[in-house]
Protein backbone atom coordinates (compact mmCIF):
# COMPACT_ATOMS: atom_id res chain seq x y z
CA MET A 1 149.28 145.08 72.21
CA PRO A 2 146.92 147.95 71.31
CA SER A 3 147.81 151.36 72.62
CA ILE A 4 145.57 153.57 74.73
CA ILE A 5 145.39 156.17 71.97
CA ASP A 6 144.35 153.54 69.43
CA GLU A 7 141.60 152.28 71.74
CA THR A 8 140.39 155.79 72.52
CA VAL A 9 140.47 157.31 69.04
CA PHE A 10 139.38 154.28 67.05
CA GLY A 11 137.15 152.67 69.68
CA GLU A 12 133.46 151.94 69.37
CA PRO A 13 131.25 155.03 69.06
CA SER A 14 128.97 155.86 71.98
CA ARG A 15 125.36 156.71 71.11
CA GLY A 16 124.73 158.60 74.36
CA LEU A 17 127.62 160.96 73.76
CA ALA A 18 126.44 161.57 70.20
CA VAL A 19 123.15 162.99 71.43
CA VAL A 20 124.89 165.19 73.99
CA TYR A 21 127.45 166.55 71.52
CA LEU A 22 124.95 167.18 68.74
CA CYS A 23 122.44 168.88 71.06
CA GLY A 24 125.22 171.00 72.54
CA ALA A 25 126.40 172.05 69.08
CA LEU A 26 122.83 172.88 68.08
CA LEU A 27 122.28 174.96 71.23
CA LEU A 28 125.55 176.87 70.78
CA ALA A 29 124.80 177.56 67.11
CA GLY A 30 121.26 178.63 67.96
CA GLN A 31 122.46 180.96 70.68
CA GLN A 32 125.05 182.45 68.33
CA GLY A 33 122.46 182.92 65.59
CA TYR A 34 120.02 184.57 68.00
CA TYR A 35 122.55 187.09 69.24
CA VAL A 36 123.82 187.92 65.76
CA ILE A 37 120.48 188.10 63.94
CA VAL A 38 118.02 189.32 66.57
CA GLU A 39 120.22 191.34 68.90
CA GLY A 40 122.58 192.63 66.20
CA ALA A 41 125.69 191.66 68.17
CA THR A 42 129.03 190.88 66.61
CA PRO A 43 129.73 187.16 66.22
CA PHE A 44 131.57 185.40 69.04
CA TYR A 45 134.00 183.29 67.03
CA ALA A 46 135.06 181.11 69.95
CA GLY A 47 131.46 179.90 70.16
CA LEU A 48 131.58 178.94 66.51
CA PHE A 49 134.77 176.94 67.10
CA LEU A 50 133.15 175.17 70.05
CA SER A 51 130.03 174.44 68.03
CA ALA A 52 132.05 173.02 65.12
CA GLY A 53 134.15 170.86 67.46
CA MET A 54 131.10 169.50 69.23
CA ALA A 55 129.31 168.83 65.94
CA LEU A 56 132.29 166.87 64.60
CA SER A 57 132.46 164.85 67.81
CA GLY A 58 128.73 164.19 67.67
CA ILE A 59 128.91 162.99 64.09
CA ALA A 60 131.86 160.74 64.99
CA GLU A 61 129.94 159.19 67.88
CA SER A 62 126.81 158.62 65.79
CA LEU A 63 128.54 156.53 63.11
CA PRO A 64 127.93 152.76 63.08
CA ASN A 65 130.49 150.38 64.61
CA PRO A 66 132.09 149.25 61.31
CA ARG A 67 133.02 152.88 60.54
CA ARG A 68 135.59 153.14 63.35
CA ARG A 69 138.28 154.64 61.14
CA ALA A 70 136.00 157.44 59.93
CA ALA A 71 134.91 158.07 63.52
CA GLY A 72 138.55 158.29 64.57
CA ILE A 73 139.34 160.78 61.82
CA LEU A 74 136.36 162.93 62.86
CA ARG A 75 137.46 162.78 66.51
CA VAL A 76 140.98 163.89 65.60
CA THR A 77 139.55 166.68 63.41
CA ALA A 78 137.37 167.87 66.30
CA LEU A 79 140.44 167.92 68.55
CA VAL A 80 142.37 169.94 65.94
CA VAL A 81 139.54 172.47 65.72
CA LEU A 82 139.33 172.89 69.50
CA VAL A 83 143.10 173.05 70.01
CA SER A 84 143.42 175.58 67.19
CA MET A 85 140.84 177.71 69.00
CA LEU A 86 143.00 177.62 72.13
CA VAL A 87 146.14 178.48 70.16
CA ILE A 88 144.41 181.43 68.49
CA LEU A 89 143.08 182.52 71.88
CA PHE A 90 146.58 182.64 73.37
CA VAL A 91 148.40 184.05 70.33
CA THR A 92 145.92 186.66 69.10
CA PRO A 93 142.90 186.88 71.38
CA ASP A 94 141.46 189.80 69.39
CA LEU A 95 140.47 187.40 66.61
CA LEU A 96 138.15 185.40 68.88
CA ILE A 97 137.02 187.91 71.47
CA ASN A 98 135.62 191.20 70.23
């Protein structure tokens, strides 16, 4: 009997979510680049963590169906990136928020 985690992490990739995640990551990275380069602001590191997590999720969802294991590894990596951002935010918020 397959577990819920196995079905969720190593399930079939969804093409619709791939577009949403990749566009979101691109928008966040573009916004960050605009504020840093044009406005001369200091980088908002939490935005970079969010962008990296969304990009990893988007890549995982855009893989073909036979690459379920690679998609699962990318999904877990995206979760690790986002959870590490939350841990850093609670432990030392000065590193993420300037």
